[in-house]
Protein backbone atom coordinates (compact mmCIF):
# COMPACT_ATOMS: atom_id res chain seq x y z
CA UNK A 1 49.35 -19.25 20.66
CA UNK A 2 48.43 -16.57 23.11
CA UNK A 3 50.79 -17.63 25.86
CA UNK A 4 53.01 -14.53 25.67
CA UNK A 5 51.14 -13.00 28.56
CA UNK A 6 48.73 -14.73 30.89
CA UNK A 7 47.60 -12.26 33.56
CA UNK A 8 45.89 -13.53 36.69
CA UNK A 9 43.27 -13.64 37.92
CA UNK A 10 41.07 -14.13 34.89
CA UNK A 11 37.82 -12.25 34.61
CA UNK A 12 34.80 -14.49 34.20
CA UNK A 13 32.55 -14.04 31.24
CA UNK A 14 29.57 -13.10 33.37
CA UNK A 15 31.42 -10.86 35.79
CA UNK A 16 31.23 -7.08 35.60
CA UNK A 17 34.81 -5.76 35.43
CA UNK A 18 35.79 -3.13 37.93
CA UNK A 19 38.21 -0.23 37.79
CA UNK A 20 39.46 1.51 40.95
CA UNK A 21 36.73 -0.14 43.00
CA UNK A 22 33.96 1.09 40.72
CA UNK A 23 31.88 -1.10 38.47
CA UNK A 24 32.35 0.00 34.91
CA UNK A 25 29.26 0.14 32.73
CA UNK A 26 28.84 -3.11 30.87
CA UNK A 27 28.10 -1.33 27.61
CA UNK A 28 31.32 0.69 27.85
CA UNK A 29 33.37 -2.40 28.63
CA UNK A 30 31.81 -4.40 25.79
CA UNK A 31 32.46 -1.58 23.33
CA UNK A 32 36.10 -1.46 24.37
CA UNK A 33 36.40 -5.23 24.10
CA UNK A 34 34.91 -5.24 20.60
CA UNK A 35 37.31 -2.51 19.52
CA UNK A 36 40.24 -4.44 20.99
CA UNK A 37 39.31 -7.72 19.31
CA UNK A 38 38.52 -5.98 16.01
CA UNK A 39 41.99 -4.42 16.04
CA UNK A 40 43.51 -7.87 16.55
CA UNK A 41 41.51 -9.37 13.70
CA UNK A 42 42.39 -6.45 11.42
CA UNK A 43 46.10 -6.87 12.11
CA UNK A 44 45.85 -10.63 11.66
CA UNK A 45 43.90 -10.43 8.39
CA UNK A 46 46.19 -7.71 7.01
CA UNK A 47 49.21 -9.84 7.91
CA UNK A 48 47.80 -12.89 6.13
CA UNK A 49 46.99 -10.75 3.08
CA UNK A 50 50.52 -9.28 3.03
CA UNK A 51 52.09 -12.73 3.31
CA UNK A 52 49.88 -14.02 0.50
CA UNK A 53 50.81 -11.16 -1.82
CA UNK A 54 54.53 -11.62 -1.11
CA UNK A 55 54.26 -15.38 -1.64
CA UNK A 56 52.51 -15.03 -5.00
CA UNK A 57 54.89 -12.36 -6.28
CA UNK A 58 57.99 -14.24 -5.12
CA UNK A 59 56.82 -17.51 -6.67
CA UNK A 60 55.67 -15.99 -9.98
CA UNK A 61 58.86 -13.97 -10.37
CA UNK A 62 60.89 -17.17 -10.56
CA UNK A 63 63.07 -16.02 -7.67
CA UNK A 64 61.53 -18.58 -5.33
CA UNK A 65 62.74 -21.45 -7.50
CA UNK A 66 66.22 -19.95 -7.68
CA UNK A 67 66.63 -19.00 -4.03
CA UNK A 68 65.03 -22.12 -2.57
CA UNK A 69 67.39 -24.25 -4.60
CA UNK A 70 70.38 -22.80 -2.74
CA UNK A 71 71.52 -22.75 0.91
CA UNK A 72 69.65 -19.44 1.22
CA UNK A 73 66.49 -21.50 1.58
CA UNK A 74 67.42 -22.09 5.22
CA UNK A 75 67.53 -18.35 5.81
CA UNK A 76 64.08 -17.98 4.23
CA UNK A 77 62.68 -20.90 6.23
CA UNK A 78 64.13 -19.88 9.62
CA UNK A 79 63.70 -16.10 9.36
CA UNK A 80 60.04 -16.16 10.54
CA UNK A 81 61.08 -18.04 13.68
CA UNK A 82 63.71 -15.39 14.37
CA UNK A 83 61.11 -12.63 14.19
CA UNK A 84 58.75 -14.51 16.53
CA UNK A 85 61.50 -15.09 19.09
CA UNK A 86 62.60 -11.45 18.92
CA UNK A 87 59.04 -10.23 19.48
CA UNK A 88 58.40 -12.56 22.40
CA UNK A 89 61.67 -12.14 24.28
CA UNK A 90 62.06 -8.42 23.63
CA UNK A 91 58.42 -7.48 24.08
CA UNK A 92 58.72 -5.70 27.43
CA UNK A 93 61.70 -3.61 26.31
CA UNK A 94 60.32 -2.62 22.90
CA UNK A 95 58.11 0.29 21.96
CA UNK A 96 54.75 -0.48 20.41
CA UNK A 97 55.97 0.89 17.06
CA UNK A 98 58.93 -1.53 17.15
CA UNK A 99 56.66 -4.50 17.81
CA UNK A 100 54.44 -3.41 14.94
CA UNK A 101 57.44 -3.10 12.61
CA UNK A 102 58.65 -6.57 13.56
CA UNK A 103 55.17 -7.99 12.96
CA UNK A 104 55.04 -6.63 9.41
CA UNK A 105 58.59 -7.85 8.83
CA UNK A 106 57.53 -11.28 10.03
CA UNK A 107 54.60 -11.29 7.61
CA UNK A 108 56.93 -10.46 4.71
CA UNK A 109 59.48 -13.19 5.46
CA UNK A 110 56.64 -15.61 6.15
CA UNK A 111 55.35 -14.81 2.67
CA UNK A 112 58.75 -15.67 1.22
CA UNK A 113 58.66 -18.98 3.08
CA UNK A 114 55.09 -19.74 1.97
CA UNK A 115 55.99 -19.20 -1.68
CA UNK A 116 57.04 -22.86 -1.85
CA UNK A 117 53.41 -23.99 -1.81
CA UNK A 118 52.90 -22.37 -5.23
CA UNK A 119 55.72 -24.54 -6.56
CA UNK A 120 54.20 -27.74 -5.16
CA UNK A 121 50.40 -27.34 -5.30
CA UNK A 122 47.99 -26.10 -7.96
CA UNK A 123 46.61 -22.57 -7.60
CA UNK A 124 43.05 -23.90 -7.53
CA UNK A 125 43.67 -26.26 -4.61
CA UNK A 126 45.55 -23.53 -2.72
CA UNK A 127 42.62 -21.12 -3.14
CA UNK A 128 40.06 -23.77 -2.18
CA UNK A 129 42.00 -24.78 0.92
CA UNK A 130 42.55 -21.15 1.89
CA UNK A 131 38.83 -20.32 1.83
CA UNK A 132 38.00 -23.54 3.67
CA UNK A 133 40.54 -22.62 6.34
CA UNK A 134 39.17 -19.08 6.55
CA UNK A 135 35.64 -20.39 7.10
CA UNK A 136 36.80 -22.88 9.73
CA UNK A 137 38.93 -20.23 11.46
CA UNK A 138 36.01 -17.78 11.61
CA UNK A 139 33.72 -20.41 13.11
CA UNK A 140 36.27 -21.63 15.66
CA UNK A 141 37.23 -18.11 16.70
CA UNK A 142 33.54 -17.27 17.14
CA UNK A 143 33.19 -20.32 19.39
CA UNK A 144 36.15 -19.19 21.46
CA UNK A 145 34.74 -15.69 21.76
CA UNK A 146 31.17 -16.62 22.68
CA UNK A 147 31.43 -19.84 24.69
CA UNK A 148 30.99 -19.64 28.45
CA UNK A 149 33.04 -22.79 28.93
CA UNK A 150 36.55 -22.15 30.25
CA UNK A 151 38.95 -23.50 27.61
CA UNK A 152 42.12 -22.85 29.63
CA UNK A 153 42.28 -26.50 30.69
CA UNK A 154 42.67 -27.55 27.06
CA UNK A 155 45.71 -25.35 26.58
CA UNK A 156 48.18 -27.75 28.20
CA UNK A 157 46.97 -30.70 26.13
CA UNK A 158 47.10 -28.68 22.92
CA UNK A 159 50.65 -27.51 23.60
CA UNK A 160 51.71 -31.07 24.42
CA UNK A 161 50.12 -32.23 21.17
CA UNK A 162 51.96 -29.50 19.28
CA UNK A 163 55.32 -30.62 20.65
CA UNK A 164 54.38 -34.20 19.79
CA UNK A 165 53.73 -33.18 16.19
CA UNK A 166 57.07 -31.38 15.97
CA UNK A 167 58.87 -34.49 17.19
CA UNK A 168 56.93 -36.67 14.74
CA UNK A 169 57.82 -34.31 11.89
CA UNK A 170 61.52 -34.55 12.75
CA UNK A 171 61.31 -38.34 12.84
CA UNK A 172 59.49 -38.42 9.51
CA UNK A 173 62.32 -36.44 7.90
CA UNK A 174 64.39 -39.61 8.24
CA UNK A 175 61.61 -42.20 7.89
CA UNK A 176 59.72 -40.62 5.00
CA UNK A 177 56.47 -42.41 5.81
CA UNK A 178 53.39 -41.21 3.89
CA UNK A 179 51.11 -42.74 6.52
CA UNK A 180 52.90 -40.86 9.31
CA UNK A 181 52.77 -37.67 7.25
CA UNK A 182 49.01 -38.04 6.81
CA UNK A 183 48.57 -38.63 10.55
CA UNK A 184 50.69 -35.54 11.31
CA UNK A 185 48.61 -33.42 8.95
CA UNK A 186 45.28 -34.55 10.42
CA UNK A 187 46.46 -34.04 13.99
CA UNK A 188 47.96 -30.69 13.04
CA UNK A 189 44.62 -29.46 11.71
CA UNK A 190 42.82 -30.61 14.87
CA UNK A 191 45.40 -29.08 17.23
CA UNK A 192 45.45 -25.68 15.54
CA UNK A 193 41.67 -25.73 15.29
CA UNK A 194 41.59 -26.13 19.06
CA UNK A 195 44.25 -23.46 19.53
CA UNK A 196 42.19 -21.01 17.47
CA UNK A 197 39.27 -21.23 19.90
CA UNK A 198 41.60 -21.34 22.92
CA UNK A 199 43.67 -18.32 21.87
CA UNK A 200 40.57 -16.29 21.04
CA UNK A 201 39.19 -16.86 24.53
CA UNK A 202 42.58 -16.08 26.09
CA UNK A 203 42.79 -12.80 24.19
CA UNK A 204 39.24 -11.90 25.23
CA UNK A 205 40.01 -12.59 28.88
CA UNK A 206 43.27 -10.63 28.78
CA UNK A 207 41.47 -7.44 27.82
CA UNK A 208 40.12 -7.05 31.36
CA UNK A 209 43.68 -6.82 32.73
CA UNK A 210 45.27 -4.86 29.88
CA UNK A 211 42.68 -2.16 29.12
CA UNK A 212 43.83 1.29 29.99
CA UNK A 213 47.49 0.30 30.11
CA UNK A 214 50.35 1.23 27.78
CA UNK A 215 50.75 -2.47 26.97
CA UNK A 216 47.43 -2.65 25.13
CA UNK A 217 48.99 -1.67 21.79
CA UNK A 218 51.58 -4.43 22.06
CA UNK A 219 48.88 -6.87 23.14
CA UNK A 220 46.94 -6.19 19.93
CA UNK A 221 49.97 -7.01 17.78
CA UNK A 222 50.92 -10.11 19.76
CA UNK A 223 47.32 -11.29 19.72
CA UNK A 224 47.28 -10.90 15.95
CA UNK A 225 50.52 -12.90 15.76
CA UNK A 226 48.98 -15.73 17.79
CA UNK A 227 45.90 -15.96 15.57
CA UNK A 228 48.02 -15.57 12.42
CA UNK A 229 50.11 -18.59 13.42
CA UNK A 230 46.98 -20.60 14.20
CA UNK A 231 45.51 -19.76 10.79
CA UNK A 232 48.64 -20.34 8.72
CA UNK A 233 49.51 -23.62 10.40
CA UNK A 234 45.97 -24.93 10.05
CA UNK A 235 46.04 -23.91 6.38
CA UNK A 236 49.36 -25.63 5.70
CA UNK A 237 48.39 -28.87 7.43
CA UNK A 238 45.06 -28.90 5.62
CA UNK A 239 46.75 -28.23 2.29
CA UNK A 240 49.23 -31.06 2.79
CA UNK A 241 46.52 -33.71 2.46
CA UNK A 242 43.80 -31.87 0.53
CA UNK A 243 45.90 -29.98 -2.00
CA UNK A 244 46.43 -31.21 -5.56
CA UNK A 245 50.12 -31.45 -6.40
CA UNK A 246 51.51 -30.20 -9.70
């Protein structure tokens, strides 16, 4: 979720951005925005690809079965969260190269964590769900990028829904209800679908405040991280009720 930096005021979609009191040419601004967003998508897609490769190799090597059957599984499961926290809380003190390194490290450990899906679901259902998620993500991100409707008001409700899902997941660890699990999965897909459009618009709006600053490189990486998390979570929730189990 792109809440790591929320500069104010926001620039409207129809407004011509200004720099030092001068109106910048719309064509120049749009070209810079496209380059900025393309960089984010490239980082995000490369990160997903890296995680996928690591997950497949780790699962097929047999190491996933061995490691995830020991207490080390908690290290594998919690390591991605550690990387995300380090990137968010240390962002202002880090160099761009450090943030980039942490992002790639996050993608690797996330791949290790994702390897479990290859032990639970068939390869065909994983591939089918992945491409369905990719198509949905592309459409939702396009909506967030092109819509003139301000989606910022939905952010609070989506975040509240996300916390609600986390609480429900903790409860279901003890209850073990299949009905509750299905409800969590459906709501999870809907929430991260909304966050995909919301985060895309947020990232687009942030460009007006960040362009020309030293922070722009970090913003690209953190934007990619936000969209990566939206994609992966939507994929996992979708797989949980569409995937065929082994």
